[in-house]
Protein backbone atom coordinates (compact mmCIF):
# COMPACT_ATOMS: atom_id res chain seq x y z
CA MET A 1 45.45 28.05 69.13
CA LEU A 2 46.58 28.38 72.72
CA SER A 3 48.99 31.11 73.70
CA PRO A 4 52.36 29.86 75.02
CA TYR A 5 51.53 31.86 78.13
CA GLY A 6 48.48 29.72 78.86
CA GLY A 7 48.30 27.60 81.99
CA ALA A 8 47.67 23.92 82.74
CA ALA A 9 44.23 23.83 84.28
CA GLY A 10 43.25 20.89 86.44
CA ARG A 11 46.77 19.66 87.24
CA ARG A 12 46.44 20.39 90.96
CA ARG A 13 43.18 18.45 91.32
CA ARG A 14 44.71 15.52 89.47
CA ARG A 15 47.70 15.42 91.79
CA ARG A 16 45.56 15.32 94.92
CA LEU A 17 43.21 12.63 93.60
CA LEU A 18 45.87 10.25 92.28
CA PHE A 19 47.87 10.47 95.52
CA VAL A 20 44.92 9.49 97.77
CA PRO A 21 46.01 5.81 98.23
CA ILE A 22 49.28 6.62 100.00
CA ILE A 23 47.63 9.34 102.10
CA LEU A 24 44.97 6.87 103.27
CA LEU A 25 47.70 4.37 104.13
CA ALA A 26 49.52 7.03 106.13
CA ILE A 27 46.37 7.96 108.06
CA SER A 28 45.80 4.30 108.93
CA LEU A 29 49.35 4.04 110.31
CA ILE A 30 49.58 7.39 112.08
CA ALA A 31 48.06 6.02 115.29
CA LEU A 32 51.02 3.63 115.61
CA GLN A 33 53.58 6.41 115.47
CA LYS A 34 55.24 8.08 118.41
CA PRO A 35 57.36 11.21 118.33
CA ALA A 36 61.12 10.88 118.67
CA ILE A 37 63.93 13.31 119.37
CA GLY A 38 64.55 15.89 116.65
CA GLY A 39 61.04 15.87 115.20
CA LEU A 40 61.27 12.35 113.75
CA ALA A 41 58.18 10.20 113.46
CA GLU A 42 59.28 6.76 114.65
CA ASN A 43 57.20 3.61 114.94
CA THR A 44 58.76 0.63 116.69
CA LYS A 45 55.54 -1.44 116.55
CA PHE A 46 55.33 -1.69 112.78
CA HIS A 47 58.02 -4.39 112.45
CA PRO A 48 58.85 -5.40 116.05
CA GLY A 49 61.92 -7.59 116.27
CA VAL A 50 62.18 -7.92 112.47
CA ALA A 51 64.30 -4.97 111.35
CA ALA A 52 67.99 -5.79 111.27
CA GLU A 53 68.98 -2.42 109.76
CA ARG A 54 67.28 0.87 110.60
CA TYR A 55 67.81 4.43 109.40
CA ALA A 56 66.12 7.56 110.74
CA LEU A 57 67.74 10.80 109.60
CA PRO A 58 66.88 14.18 111.17
CA ILE A 59 64.17 16.28 109.53
CA SER A 60 63.06 19.89 109.70
CA PRO A 61 59.44 20.77 110.62
CA PRO A 62 57.06 19.75 107.81
CA LEU A 63 55.39 22.47 105.73
CA ASP A 64 52.18 22.29 103.70
CA GLN A 65 52.32 22.98 99.96
CA GLY A 66 48.66 24.05 99.92
CA ASP A 67 47.06 24.04 96.47
CA SER A 68 50.35 24.59 94.68
CA ASP A 69 52.16 22.14 92.37
CA LEU A 70 55.35 22.64 94.37
CA CYS A 71 55.72 19.16 95.89
CA TRP A 72 59.04 18.86 94.02
CA ALA A 73 60.34 22.07 95.62
CA PHE A 74 59.17 21.09 99.11
CA ALA A 75 60.73 17.63 98.82
CA THR A 76 64.02 18.97 97.44
CA LEU A 77 64.43 21.58 100.17
CA SER A 78 63.52 18.97 102.80
CA MET A 79 66.26 16.74 101.39
CA LEU A 80 68.84 19.54 101.52
CA GLU A 81 67.79 20.41 105.09
CA THR A 82 68.12 16.80 106.24
CA ASN A 83 71.49 16.33 104.57
CA TYR A 84 72.77 19.55 106.12
CA MET A 85 71.56 18.52 109.59
CA VAL A 86 73.35 15.18 109.21
CA ARG A 87 76.58 17.05 108.44
CA HIS A 88 75.93 19.70 111.12
CA PRO A 89 74.16 18.12 114.12
CA GLY A 90 72.06 20.61 116.05
CA SER A 91 71.37 22.86 113.07
CA ARG A 92 67.86 24.35 112.86
CA ILE A 93 68.04 25.04 109.14
CA GLU A 94 64.80 25.78 107.26
CA LEU A 95 64.90 26.91 103.63
CA SER A 96 62.40 29.18 101.91
CA ARG A 97 59.88 27.47 99.68
CA GLY A 98 58.55 30.89 98.67
CA ALA A 99 61.97 32.00 97.40
CA LEU A 100 62.30 28.87 95.27
CA GLN A 101 58.78 29.45 93.90
CA PHE A 102 59.83 33.01 92.94
CA ASP A 103 62.84 31.71 91.01
CA SER A 104 60.80 29.01 89.31
CA VAL A 105 58.11 31.45 88.17
CA ALA A 106 60.77 33.83 86.85
CA ASP A 107 62.55 30.99 85.05
CA ARG A 108 59.35 29.80 83.35
CA PHE A 109 58.54 33.25 81.95
CA ARG A 110 62.12 34.03 80.89
CA ARG A 111 62.10 30.84 78.86
CA LEU A 112 58.89 31.91 77.12
CA ILE A 113 60.35 35.34 76.41
CA ARG A 114 63.29 33.56 74.73
CA ARG A 115 60.68 31.59 72.73
CA GLU A 116 61.60 28.27 74.31
CA ALA A 117 59.10 25.46 74.62
CA GLY A 118 57.04 25.29 77.78
CA ARG A 119 54.24 26.93 79.69
CA PRO A 120 53.96 28.96 82.92
CA GLU A 121 53.33 26.52 85.77
CA ASP A 122 54.55 25.59 89.25
CA GLY A 123 55.60 22.05 88.32
CA GLY A 124 59.17 20.83 88.08
CA LEU A 125 61.74 18.23 89.10
CA ALA A 126 64.15 17.99 92.02
CA VAL A 127 67.24 18.31 89.79
CA GLU A 128 65.71 21.51 88.38
CA ALA A 129 65.19 22.87 91.89
CA ILE A 130 68.87 22.24 92.61
CA ALA A 131 69.85 23.97 89.37
CA LEU A 132 67.73 27.00 90.29
CA ILE A 133 69.41 27.14 93.71
CA ARG A 134 72.88 27.00 92.13
CA GLN A 135 71.90 29.84 89.81
CA ASN A 136 70.01 32.13 92.20
CA GLY A 137 71.01 31.14 95.73
CA ILE A 138 68.44 30.34 98.41
CA LEU A 139 66.94 32.08 101.44
CA ASP A 140 66.16 31.06 104.99
CA GLN A 141 62.47 30.34 105.57
CA SER A 142 62.19 33.32 107.94
CA ASP A 143 63.55 35.79 105.36
CA PHE A 144 60.80 35.49 102.73
CA HIS A 145 57.07 34.90 102.53
CA ASP A 146 55.46 31.48 102.18
CA VAL A 147 54.37 30.04 98.84
CA VAL A 148 51.35 31.71 97.26
CA ASP A 149 48.64 30.73 94.81
CA SER A 150 50.47 31.26 91.55
CA GLU A 151 47.59 30.86 89.10
CA PRO A 152 46.45 34.52 89.34
CA ILE A 153 50.10 35.61 89.06
CA PHE A 154 50.72 33.48 85.97
CA SER A 155 47.54 34.77 84.34
CA SER A 156 48.22 38.42 85.12
CA ILE A 157 51.84 38.35 83.93
CA ALA A 158 50.93 36.37 80.81
CA ARG A 159 48.30 38.94 79.77
CA LYS A 160 50.70 41.84 80.20
CA LEU A 161 53.59 40.17 78.38
CA ALA A 162 51.35 39.17 75.48
CA ARG A 163 50.64 42.86 74.75
CA LEU A 164 54.32 43.82 74.48
CA PRO A 165 56.18 43.63 71.15
CA SER A 166 59.83 42.96 71.95
CA PRO A 167 61.70 40.53 74.23
CA ALA A 168 63.43 43.46 75.94
CA ASP A 169 60.07 45.06 76.78
CA LYS A 170 58.76 41.73 78.04
CA ALA A 171 61.84 41.20 80.23
CA ARG A 172 61.48 44.63 81.84
CA ALA A 173 57.77 44.10 82.42
CA LEU A 174 58.43 40.67 83.93
CA ASP A 175 60.85 42.11 86.49
CA GLN A 176 58.28 44.74 87.49
CA GLU A 177 55.46 42.21 87.76
CA LEU A 178 57.55 39.80 89.82
CA LYS A 179 58.33 42.55 92.31
CA ALA A 180 54.68 43.61 92.47
CA SER A 181 53.25 40.12 92.89
CA LEU A 182 55.96 38.18 94.72
CA GLY A 183 58.06 40.88 96.36
CA VAL A 184 61.80 41.47 96.36
CA LYS A 185 64.19 38.83 97.64
CA PRO A 186 66.65 40.21 100.23
CA ARG A 187 70.37 40.16 99.52
CA THR A 188 71.13 38.97 103.04
CA THR A 189 69.70 35.84 104.61
CA HIS A 190 70.61 33.60 107.57
CA LEU A 191 71.99 30.18 108.41
CA ASP A 192 71.41 29.19 112.02
CA ARG A 193 71.05 32.91 112.88
CA LYS A 194 74.29 33.87 111.16
CA ALA A 195 73.99 36.44 108.37
CA VAL A 196 75.05 35.08 104.97
CA SER A 197 74.35 35.83 101.33
CA PRO A 198 71.87 33.68 99.36
CA GLU A 199 74.81 32.34 97.37
CA GLN A 200 76.70 31.36 100.52
CA LEU A 201 73.63 29.58 101.88
CA ALA A 202 73.27 27.71 98.58
CA ARG A 203 76.90 26.56 98.69
CA ALA A 204 76.49 25.45 102.31
CA VAL A 205 73.44 23.29 101.67
CA LEU A 206 74.59 21.87 98.33
CA GLY A 207 77.94 20.95 99.82
CA GLY A 208 79.67 20.38 96.48
CA GLU A 209 77.40 17.42 95.70
CA GLU A 210 75.72 16.64 92.38
CA TRP A 211 72.33 14.98 92.05
CA THR A 212 70.82 12.68 89.45
CA GLU A 213 67.20 11.72 88.87
CA PHE A 214 66.79 8.01 88.18
CA ASP A 215 63.51 7.11 86.47
CA LEU A 216 61.84 3.74 86.14
CA SER A 217 62.45 2.17 82.73
CA ARG A 218 59.05 1.00 81.49
CA ASP A 219 60.44 -0.94 78.50
CA GLY A 220 63.59 -2.38 80.05
CA ALA A 221 65.95 -0.02 78.21
CA GLU A 222 68.45 1.67 80.53
CA GLY A 223 70.51 4.80 80.06
CA TRP A 224 70.22 8.57 79.76
CA GLY A 225 67.30 10.23 78.07
CA PRO A 226 64.90 13.18 78.25
CA SER A 227 62.42 13.19 81.11
CA HIS A 228 58.90 12.04 80.27
CA ASP A 229 57.46 14.20 83.07
CA PRO A 230 55.20 16.87 81.52
CA ASP A 231 56.48 19.36 84.14
CA ALA A 232 60.15 18.92 83.18
CA ARG A 233 62.16 21.68 81.51
CA PRO A 234 63.12 20.75 77.94
CA GLU A 235 66.85 20.26 78.61
CA THR A 236 66.39 18.06 81.71
CA ARG A 237 67.81 14.57 81.30
CA VAL A 238 67.37 11.59 83.62
CA ARG A 239 68.85 8.11 83.82
CA TYR A 240 66.43 5.23 83.21
CA VAL A 241 67.02 2.15 85.38
CA THR A 242 65.19 -0.89 86.74
CA LEU A 243 63.00 -0.90 89.84
CA ASP A 244 65.57 -3.02 91.71
CA THR A 245 68.25 -0.42 90.96
CA MET A 246 66.04 2.38 92.28
CA ILE A 247 65.36 0.43 95.48
CA ASP A 248 69.12 -0.13 95.90
CA LEU A 249 69.78 3.58 95.32
CA ILE A 250 67.42 4.47 98.18
CA HIS A 251 69.24 2.02 100.46
CA GLN A 252 72.68 3.31 99.48
CA SER A 253 71.66 6.92 99.99
CA LEU A 254 70.22 6.34 103.46
CA ALA A 255 73.32 4.35 104.42
CA ARG A 256 75.43 7.39 103.42
CA GLY A 257 73.32 9.58 105.69
CA GLU A 258 71.51 11.28 102.81
CA ALA A 259 67.75 11.59 102.28
CA VAL A 260 66.01 10.74 99.01
CA VAL A 261 63.45 12.60 96.91
CA TRP A 262 60.91 9.96 95.89
CA GLY A 263 58.47 10.58 93.04
CA SER A 264 55.32 8.92 91.77
CA GLU A 265 53.71 9.96 88.50
CA ASP A 266 51.93 12.83 90.27
CA HIS A 267 53.69 13.61 93.56
CA ALA A 268 57.09 14.00 95.22
CA LEU A 269 58.05 13.54 98.87
CA LEU A 270 61.03 12.78 101.10
CA ILE A 271 62.29 9.40 102.31
CA TYR A 272 64.37 10.04 105.42
CA GLY A 273 64.55 6.58 106.95
CA ALA A 274 63.81 2.90 106.50
CA ASP A 275 63.77 -0.55 108.10
CA TYR A 276 65.51 -3.48 106.36
CA ASP A 277 65.51 -7.20 107.21
CA GLN A 278 68.65 -9.33 107.54
CA SER A 279 68.82 -9.90 103.78
CA GLY A 280 68.67 -6.15 103.08
CA LYS A 281 65.05 -6.25 101.89
CA PRO A 282 63.23 -2.98 102.70
CA LEU A 283 60.28 -3.40 105.06
CA SER A 284 59.07 0.17 105.48
CA TYR A 285 60.09 3.77 104.86
CA LEU A 286 59.90 6.92 106.95
CA ILE A 287 58.17 9.62 104.93
CA LYS A 288 58.08 13.40 105.16
CA ASP A 289 55.29 14.80 103.00
CA SER A 290 53.97 18.25 102.12
CA PHE A 291 50.39 16.98 102.58
CA PRO A 292 48.87 15.77 105.89
CA PRO A 293 49.72 13.75 107.93
CA TYR A 294 53.19 15.06 106.97
CA THR A 295 55.34 12.40 108.70
CA TYR A 296 54.52 8.71 108.70
CA ARG A 297 55.81 5.20 108.12
CA ALA A 298 54.69 3.52 104.91
CA ALA A 299 55.01 -0.12 103.86
CA ALA A 300 57.86 -0.64 101.39
CA ASN A 301 55.73 -2.51 98.86
CA THR A 302 53.32 0.43 98.69
CA ILE A 303 56.14 2.89 98.06
CA HIS A 304 57.67 0.59 95.43
CA ARG A 305 54.36 0.07 93.65
CA MET A 306 53.96 3.84 93.13
CA LEU A 307 57.64 4.52 92.46
CA ASN A 308 58.42 6.47 89.29
CA ASP A 309 61.71 8.19 90.14
CA VAL A 310 64.29 8.84 92.85
CA THR A 311 66.73 11.73 93.11
CA VAL A 312 69.99 11.06 94.95
CA THR A 313 73.58 12.22 94.93
CA GLN A 314 75.69 10.49 92.28
CA PRO A 315 76.80 7.10 93.66
CA ASP A 316 80.24 5.89 92.59
CA SER A 317 78.98 2.45 91.54
CA VAL A 318 76.57 3.96 89.02
CA ALA A 319 79.02 6.64 87.87
CA ARG A 320 81.46 3.94 86.76
CA THR A 321 78.87 2.53 84.34
CA MET A 322 78.45 5.85 82.50
CA SER A 323 80.56 6.73 79.49
CA THR A 324 79.54 10.39 79.81
CA ARG A 325 77.64 12.36 82.41
CA PRO A 326 75.25 15.03 81.04
CA ASP A 327 75.15 18.31 82.89
CA THR A 328 71.73 18.34 84.58
CA GLY A 329 72.67 21.12 86.96
CA ALA A 330 72.68 24.15 84.69
CA LEU A 331 69.76 26.29 83.64
CA PRO A 332 70.13 29.05 81.06
CA LYS A 333 71.07 32.35 82.58
CA PRO A 334 68.29 34.95 82.68
């Protein structure tokens, strides 16, 4: 019988292998791209004279997730950075992926100490990243270290917690191990060089918005339900919709000046722009990824073929169809 503190071996290799098709597509298109103001990757040759509607939101410098399973965290923070830069032109905001990894690791182990279902791993969903930020605040990228290889940390903490008898002992040991392996998060951080608290930075980037993950309904049934993603926390709920609805949600979000977290079955990335024809049909998307080549333009049909979920702010048109709205933005307090 496996210990609840055991890991999920092989998940990182699987994510890289299954995502090869879109990476190869990006590499084939990268030669057509040319840099634009604000760090955007723009390509006017891909659909010359065809696009009737074009969006290209600002993005922060891309960062590499390395061998971690933190694509969801990278994509979510990229989305928050883009949305903030749209609201505050000229901002140089960059949020700490390492700080969000710290909070996610702590959350996974605290759940196990409370005897909740789950396992220690880096995986997660965008709505869970937002919930962690609401609960713990967030740091500027310059105020904390980069993401680290978490497998040795998970293994070391799991062994030590397994030897302790009581939840209180485990909780104290967890706090000590987190400090030893991941450091101590500062109580002061920065937003465009201005000193703020992590909570103030979180409120600034979240902006009072609420996000929903919309997942592709495989059987045609629509509505709220538990996530089928093996990385999801047990309480996380998503709304199941059709592919056409998801494509419309991307369009609506970009038109509002808000980026989209796009997910396949094994990866998450940012959509920060798109070209549409006169009928509103998407032709291509501007992508920011946490794997090379980082920024590229991808054909819309490729993105749609791999589409499993999108995370966007709650659109009014969808909200009106819901009798109730589950709270997906609250994680249990530590």
